[in-house]
PDB file of all heavy atoms in Angstrom:
ATOM      1  N   ASP A   1       0.844  -1.194  -0.019  1.00  0.00           N
ATOM      2  CA  ASP A   1       0.023   0.017  -0.026  1.00  0.00           C
ATOM      3  C   ASP A   1       0.902   1.251  -0.002  1.00  0.00           C
ATOM      4  O   ASP A   1       1.575   1.487   0.953  1.00  0.00           O
ATOM      5  CB  ASP A   1      -0.885  -0.019   1.249  1.00  0.00           C
ATOM      6  CG  ASP A   1      -1.831   1.179   1.372  1.00  0.00           C
ATOM      7  OD1 ASP A   1      -1.859   1.928   0.339  1.00  0.00           O
ATOM      8  OD2 ASP A   1      -2.471   1.379   2.382  1.00  0.00           O
ATOM      9  N   LEU A   2       0.783   2.066  -1.085  1.00  0.00           N
ATOM     10  CA  LEU A   2       1.513   3.308  -1.118  1.00  0.00           C
ATOM     11  C   LEU A   2       0.591   4.439  -1.329  1.00  0.00           C
ATOM     12  O   LEU A   2       0.947   5.477  -1.915  1.00  0.00           O
ATOM     13  CB  LEU A   2       2.490   3.239  -2.345  1.00  0.00           C
ATOM     14  CG  LEU A   2       3.682   2.245  -2.164  1.00  0.00           C
ATOM     15  CD1 LEU A   2       4.588   2.296  -3.376  1.00  0.00           C
ATOM     16  CD2 LEU A   2       4.441   2.380  -0.864  1.00  0.00           C
ATOM     17  N   THR A   3      -0.650   4.302  -0.896  1.00  0.00           N
ATOM     18  CA  THR A   3      -1.587   5.409  -0.931  1.00  0.00           C
ATOM     19  C   THR A   3      -1.074   6.631  -0.092  1.00  0.00           C
ATOM     20  O   THR A   3      -0.205   6.366   0.785  1.00  0.00           O
ATOM     21  CB  THR A   3      -2.963   5.054  -0.460  1.00  0.00           C
ATOM     22  OG1 THR A   3      -2.852   4.445   0.871  1.00  0.00           O
ATOM     23  CG2 THR A   3      -3.571   3.946  -1.366  1.00  0.00           C
ATOM     24  N   PRO A   4      -1.527   7.848  -0.279  1.00  0.00           N
ATOM     25  CA  PRO A   4      -1.131   8.967   0.457  1.00  0.00           C
ATOM     26  C   PRO A   4      -1.172   8.752   1.999  1.00  0.00           C
ATOM     27  O   PRO A   4      -0.287   9.294   2.731  1.00  0.00           O
ATOM     28  CB  PRO A   4      -1.949  10.138  -0.042  1.00  0.00           C
ATOM     29  CG  PRO A   4      -2.340   9.735  -1.435  1.00  0.00           C
ATOM     30  CD  PRO A   4      -2.452   8.267  -1.426  1.00  0.00           C
ATOM     31  N   ALA A   5      -2.169   8.083   2.456  1.00  0.00           N
ATOM     32  CA  ALA A   5      -2.263   7.837   3.892  1.00  0.00           C
ATOM     33  C   ALA A   5      -1.140   6.948   4.405  1.00  0.00           C
ATOM     34  O   ALA A   5      -0.631   7.051   5.552  1.00  0.00           O
ATOM     35  CB  ALA A   5      -3.689   7.192   4.256  1.00  0.00           C
ATOM     36  N   ALA A   6      -0.707   5.948   3.595  1.00  0.00           N
ATOM     37  CA  ALA A   6       0.295   5.060   4.026  1.00  0.00           C
ATOM     38  C   ALA A   6       1.738   5.562   3.739  1.00  0.00           C
ATOM     39  O   ALA A   6       2.673   5.283   4.393  1.00  0.00           O
ATOM     40  CB  ALA A   6       0.101   3.745   3.337  1.00  0.00           C
ATOM     41  N   ALA A   7       1.832   6.314   2.679  1.00  0.00           N
ATOM     42  CA  ALA A   7       3.130   6.902   2.210  1.00  0.00           C
ATOM     43  C   ALA A   7       3.055   8.334   1.798  1.00  0.00           C
ATOM     44  O   ALA A   7       3.055   8.618   0.620  1.00  0.00           O
ATOM     45  CB  ALA A   7       3.677   5.989   1.036  1.00  0.00           C
ATOM     46  N   PRO A   8       2.940   9.253   2.834  1.00  0.00           N
ATOM     47  CA  PRO A   8       2.725  10.689   2.387  1.00  0.00           C
ATOM     48  C   PRO A   8       3.990  11.359   1.894  1.00  0.00           C
ATOM     49  O   PRO A   8       3.812  12.441   1.268  1.00  0.00           O
ATOM     50  CB  PRO A   8       2.370  11.246   3.784  1.00  0.00           C
ATOM     51  CG  PRO A   8       3.040  10.365   4.804  1.00  0.00           C
ATOM     52  CD  PRO A   8       2.956   8.993   4.215  1.00  0.00           C
ATOM     53  N   THR A   9       5.163  10.760   2.082  1.00  0.00           N
ATOM     54  CA  THR A   9       6.402  11.440   1.580  1.00  0.00           C
ATOM     55  C   THR A   9       7.170  10.408   0.703  1.00  0.00           C
ATOM     56  O   THR A   9       6.982   9.165   0.783  1.00  0.00           O
ATOM     57  CB  THR A   9       7.311  11.844   2.689  1.00  0.00           C
ATOM     58  OG1 THR A   9       7.824  10.681   3.370  1.00  0.00           O
ATOM     59  CG2 THR A   9       6.577  12.684   3.710  1.00  0.00           C
ATOM     60  N   LEU A  10       8.032  10.891  -0.158  1.00  0.00           N
ATOM     61  CA  LEU A  10       8.858  10.081  -0.986  1.00  0.00           C
ATOM     62  C   LEU A  10       9.779   9.116  -0.127  1.00  0.00           C
ATOM     63  O   LEU A  10       9.964   7.945  -0.438  1.00  0.00           O
ATOM     64  CB  LEU A  10       9.676  10.892  -1.957  1.00  0.00           C
ATOM     65  CG  LEU A  10      10.655  10.134  -2.850  1.00  0.00           C
ATOM     66  CD1 LEU A  10       9.772   9.196  -3.744  1.00  0.00           C
ATOM     67  CD2 LEU A  10      11.476  11.011  -3.728  1.00  0.00           C
ATOM     68  N   ASP A  11      10.320   9.641   0.910  1.00  0.00           N
ATOM     69  CA  ASP A  11      11.150   8.861   1.768  1.00  0.00           C
ATOM     70  C   ASP A  11      10.404   7.694   2.361  1.00  0.00           C
ATOM     71  O   ASP A  11      10.933   6.534   2.496  1.00  0.00           O
ATOM     72  CB  ASP A  11      11.749   9.687   2.883  1.00  0.00           C
ATOM     73  CG  ASP A  11      12.909  10.636   2.364  1.00  0.00           C
ATOM     74  OD1 ASP A  11      13.382  10.354   1.232  1.00  0.00           O
ATOM     75  OD2 ASP A  11      13.237  11.581   3.121  1.00  0.00           O
ATOM     76  N   VAL A  12       9.127   7.910   2.853  1.00  0.00           N
ATOM     77  CA  VAL A  12       8.387   6.841   3.423  1.00  0.00           C
ATOM     78  C   VAL A  12       8.026   5.834   2.348  1.00  0.00           C
ATOM     79  O   VAL A  12       8.124   4.670   2.535  1.00  0.00           O
ATOM     80  CB  VAL A  12       7.114   7.376   4.031  1.00  0.00           C
ATOM     81  CG1 VAL A  12       6.114   6.310   4.469  1.00  0.00           C
ATOM     82  CG2 VAL A  12       7.431   8.276   5.294  1.00  0.00           C
ATOM     83  N   LEU A  13       7.658   6.300   1.137  1.00  0.00           N
ATOM     84  CA  LEU A  13       7.343   5.442   0.073  1.00  0.00           C
ATOM     85  C   LEU A  13       8.525   4.469  -0.310  1.00  0.00           C
ATOM     86  O   LEU A  13       8.366   3.258  -0.384  1.00  0.00           O
ATOM     87  CB  LEU A  13       6.993   6.283  -1.200  1.00  0.00           C
ATOM     88  CG  LEU A  13       6.626   5.592  -2.446  1.00  0.00           C
ATOM     89  CD1 LEU A  13       5.586   6.398  -3.272  1.00  0.00           C
ATOM     90  CD2 LEU A  13       7.841   5.286  -3.378  1.00  0.00           C
ATOM     91  N   LEU A  14       9.726   5.048  -0.374  1.00  0.00           N
ATOM     92  CA  LEU A  14      10.898   4.260  -0.698  1.00  0.00           C
ATOM     93  C   LEU A  14      11.225   3.295   0.462  1.00  0.00           C
ATOM     94  O   LEU A  14      11.642   2.175   0.221  1.00  0.00           O
ATOM     95  CB  LEU A  14      12.059   5.194  -1.009  1.00  0.00           C
ATOM     96  CG  LEU A  14      11.945   6.112  -2.225  1.00  0.00           C
ATOM     97  CD1 LEU A  14      13.060   7.080  -2.409  1.00  0.00           C
ATOM     98  CD2 LEU A  14      11.850   5.249  -3.468  1.00  0.00           C
ATOM     99  N   ALA A  15      11.041   3.795   1.710  1.00  0.00           N
ATOM    100  CA  ALA A  15      11.322   2.948   2.819  1.00  0.00           C
ATOM    101  C   ALA A  15      10.370   1.686   2.841  1.00  0.00           C
ATOM    102  O   ALA A  15      10.778   0.604   3.210  1.00  0.00           O
ATOM    103  CB  ALA A  15      11.248   3.719   4.132  1.00  0.00           C
ATOM    104  N   ARG A  16       9.112   1.922   2.525  1.00  0.00           N
ATOM    105  CA  ARG A  16       8.151   0.839   2.487  1.00  0.00           C
ATOM    106  C   ARG A  16       8.464  -0.158   1.447  1.00  0.00           C
ATOM    107  O   ARG A  16       8.363  -1.427   1.576  1.00  0.00           O
ATOM    108  CB  ARG A  16       6.703   1.361   2.285  1.00  0.00           C
ATOM    109  CG  ARG A  16       6.196   2.027   3.473  1.00  0.00           C
ATOM    110  CD  ARG A  16       4.739   2.588   3.340  1.00  0.00           C
ATOM    111  NE  ARG A  16       3.815   1.561   3.046  1.00  0.00           N
ATOM    112  CZ  ARG A  16       3.162   0.884   3.999  1.00  0.00           C
ATOM    113  NH1 ARG A  16       3.532   1.054   5.288  1.00  0.00           N
ATOM    114  NH2 ARG A  16       2.254  -0.035   3.722  1.00  0.00           N
ATOM    115  N   ILE A  17       8.951   0.303   0.231  1.00  0.00           N
ATOM    116  CA  ILE A  17       9.434  -0.578  -0.798  1.00  0.00           C
ATOM    117  C   ILE A  17      10.628  -1.434  -0.382  1.00  0.00           C
ATOM    118  O   ILE A  17      10.688  -2.676  -0.522  1.00  0.00           O
ATOM    119  CB  ILE A  17       9.787   0.235  -2.127  1.00  0.00           C
ATOM    120  CG1 ILE A  17       8.478   0.818  -2.728  1.00  0.00           C
ATOM    121  CG2 ILE A  17      10.545  -0.711  -3.110  1.00  0.00           C
ATOM    122  CD1 ILE A  17       8.681   1.673  -3.860  1.00  0.00           C
ATOM    123  N   ALA A  18      11.580  -0.771   0.304  1.00  0.00           N
ATOM    124  CA  ALA A  18      12.776  -1.425   0.770  1.00  0.00           C
ATOM    125  C   ALA A  18      12.425  -2.472   1.854  1.00  0.00           C
ATOM    126  O   ALA A  18      12.979  -3.606   1.841  1.00  0.00           O
ATOM    127  CB  ALA A  18      13.764  -0.376   1.354  1.00  0.00           C
ATOM    128  N   GLU A  19      11.505  -2.163   2.721  1.00  0.00           N
ATOM    129  CA  GLU A  19      11.137  -3.078   3.770  1.00  0.00           C
ATOM    130  C   GLU A  19      10.429  -4.302   3.141  1.00  0.00           C
ATOM    131  O   GLU A  19      10.645  -5.431   3.536  1.00  0.00           O
ATOM    132  CB  GLU A  19      10.150  -2.379   4.713  1.00  0.00           C
ATOM    133  CG  GLU A  19       9.641  -3.274   5.909  1.00  0.00           C
ATOM    134  CD  GLU A  19       8.590  -2.501   6.715  1.00  0.00           C
ATOM    135  OE1 GLU A  19       8.031  -1.508   6.243  1.00  0.00           O
ATOM    136  OE2 GLU A  19       8.368  -2.985   7.840  1.00  0.00           O
ATOM    137  N   ARG A  20       9.567  -4.154   2.135  1.00  0.00           N
ATOM    138  CA  ARG A  20       8.862  -5.235   1.511  1.00  0.00           C
ATOM    139  C   ARG A  20       9.982  -6.111   0.786  1.00  0.00           C
ATOM    140  O   ARG A  20       9.906  -7.293   0.867  1.00  0.00           O
ATOM    141  CB  ARG A  20       7.867  -4.744   0.584  1.00  0.00           C
ATOM    142  CG  ARG A  20       7.183  -5.805  -0.287  1.00  0.00           C
ATOM    143  CD  ARG A  20       6.474  -6.926   0.552  1.00  0.00           C
ATOM    144  NE  ARG A  20       5.373  -6.357   1.320  1.00  0.00           N
ATOM    145  CZ  ARG A  20       4.071  -6.320   0.879  1.00  0.00           C
ATOM    146  NH1 ARG A  20       3.793  -6.796  -0.284  1.00  0.00           N
ATOM    147  NH2 ARG A  20       3.140  -5.838   1.683  1.00  0.00           N
ATOM    148  N   ALA A  21      10.933  -5.468   0.108  1.00  0.00           N
ATOM    149  CA  ALA A  21      11.907  -6.210  -0.559  1.00  0.00           C
ATOM    150  C   ALA A  21      12.767  -7.124   0.344  1.00  0.00           C
ATOM    151  O   ALA A  21      13.136  -8.252  -0.038  1.00  0.00           O
ATOM    152  CB  ALA A  21      12.880  -5.225  -1.341  1.00  0.00           C
ATOM    153  N   THR A  22      13.060  -6.623   1.544  1.00  0.00           N
ATOM    154  CA  THR A  22      13.850  -7.422   2.487  1.00  0.00           C
ATOM    155  C   THR A  22      13.167  -8.685   2.906  1.00  0.00           C
ATOM    156  O   THR A  22      13.837  -9.676   3.348  1.00  0.00           O
ATOM    157  CB  THR A  22      14.282  -6.588   3.705  1.00  0.00           C
ATOM    158  OG1 THR A  22      13.140  -6.182   4.402  1.00  0.00           O
ATOM    159  CG2 THR A  22      15.146  -5.415   3.281  1.00  0.00           C
ATOM    160  N   ALA A  23      11.820  -8.689   2.814  1.00  0.00           N
ATOM    161  CA  ALA A  23      11.026  -9.845   3.216  1.00  0.00           C
ATOM    162  C   ALA A  23      10.908 -10.858   2.116  1.00  0.00           C
ATOM    163  O   ALA A  23      10.261 -11.900   2.317  1.00  0.00           O
ATOM    164  CB  ALA A  23       9.658  -9.412   3.718  1.00  0.00           C
ATOM    165  N   LEU A  24      11.427 -10.518   0.952  1.00  0.00           N
ATOM    166  CA  LEU A  24      11.201 -11.435  -0.204  1.00  0.00           C
ATOM    167  C   LEU A  24      12.615 -11.886  -0.762  1.00  0.00           C
ATOM    168  O   LEU A  24      13.572 -11.194  -0.574  1.00  0.00           O
ATOM    169  CB  LEU A  24      10.527 -10.639  -1.358  1.00  0.00           C
ATOM    170  CG  LEU A  24       9.092 -10.163  -1.051  1.00  0.00           C
ATOM    171  CD1 LEU A  24       8.600  -9.256  -2.229  1.00  0.00           C
ATOM    172  CD2 LEU A  24       8.115 -11.325  -0.917  1.00  0.00           C
ATOM    173  N   PRO A  25      12.640 -13.045  -1.326  1.00  0.00           N
ATOM    174  CA  PRO A  25      13.974 -13.527  -1.935  1.00  0.00           C
ATOM    175  C   PRO A  25      14.422 -12.633  -3.059  1.00  0.00           C
ATOM    176  O   PRO A  25      13.524 -11.991  -3.751  1.00  0.00           O
ATOM    177  CB  PRO A  25      13.587 -14.922  -2.428  1.00  0.00           C
ATOM    178  CG  PRO A  25      12.073 -14.937  -2.612  1.00  0.00           C
ATOM    179  CD  PRO A  25      11.485 -14.049  -1.570  1.00  0.00           C
TER     180      PRO A  25
END
């Protein structure tokens, strides 16, 4: 989820992508 409520800033958006990536092979 990268909607404005979940990712209001670019840094948060990128951090959420990085976090999801670390949980995947």
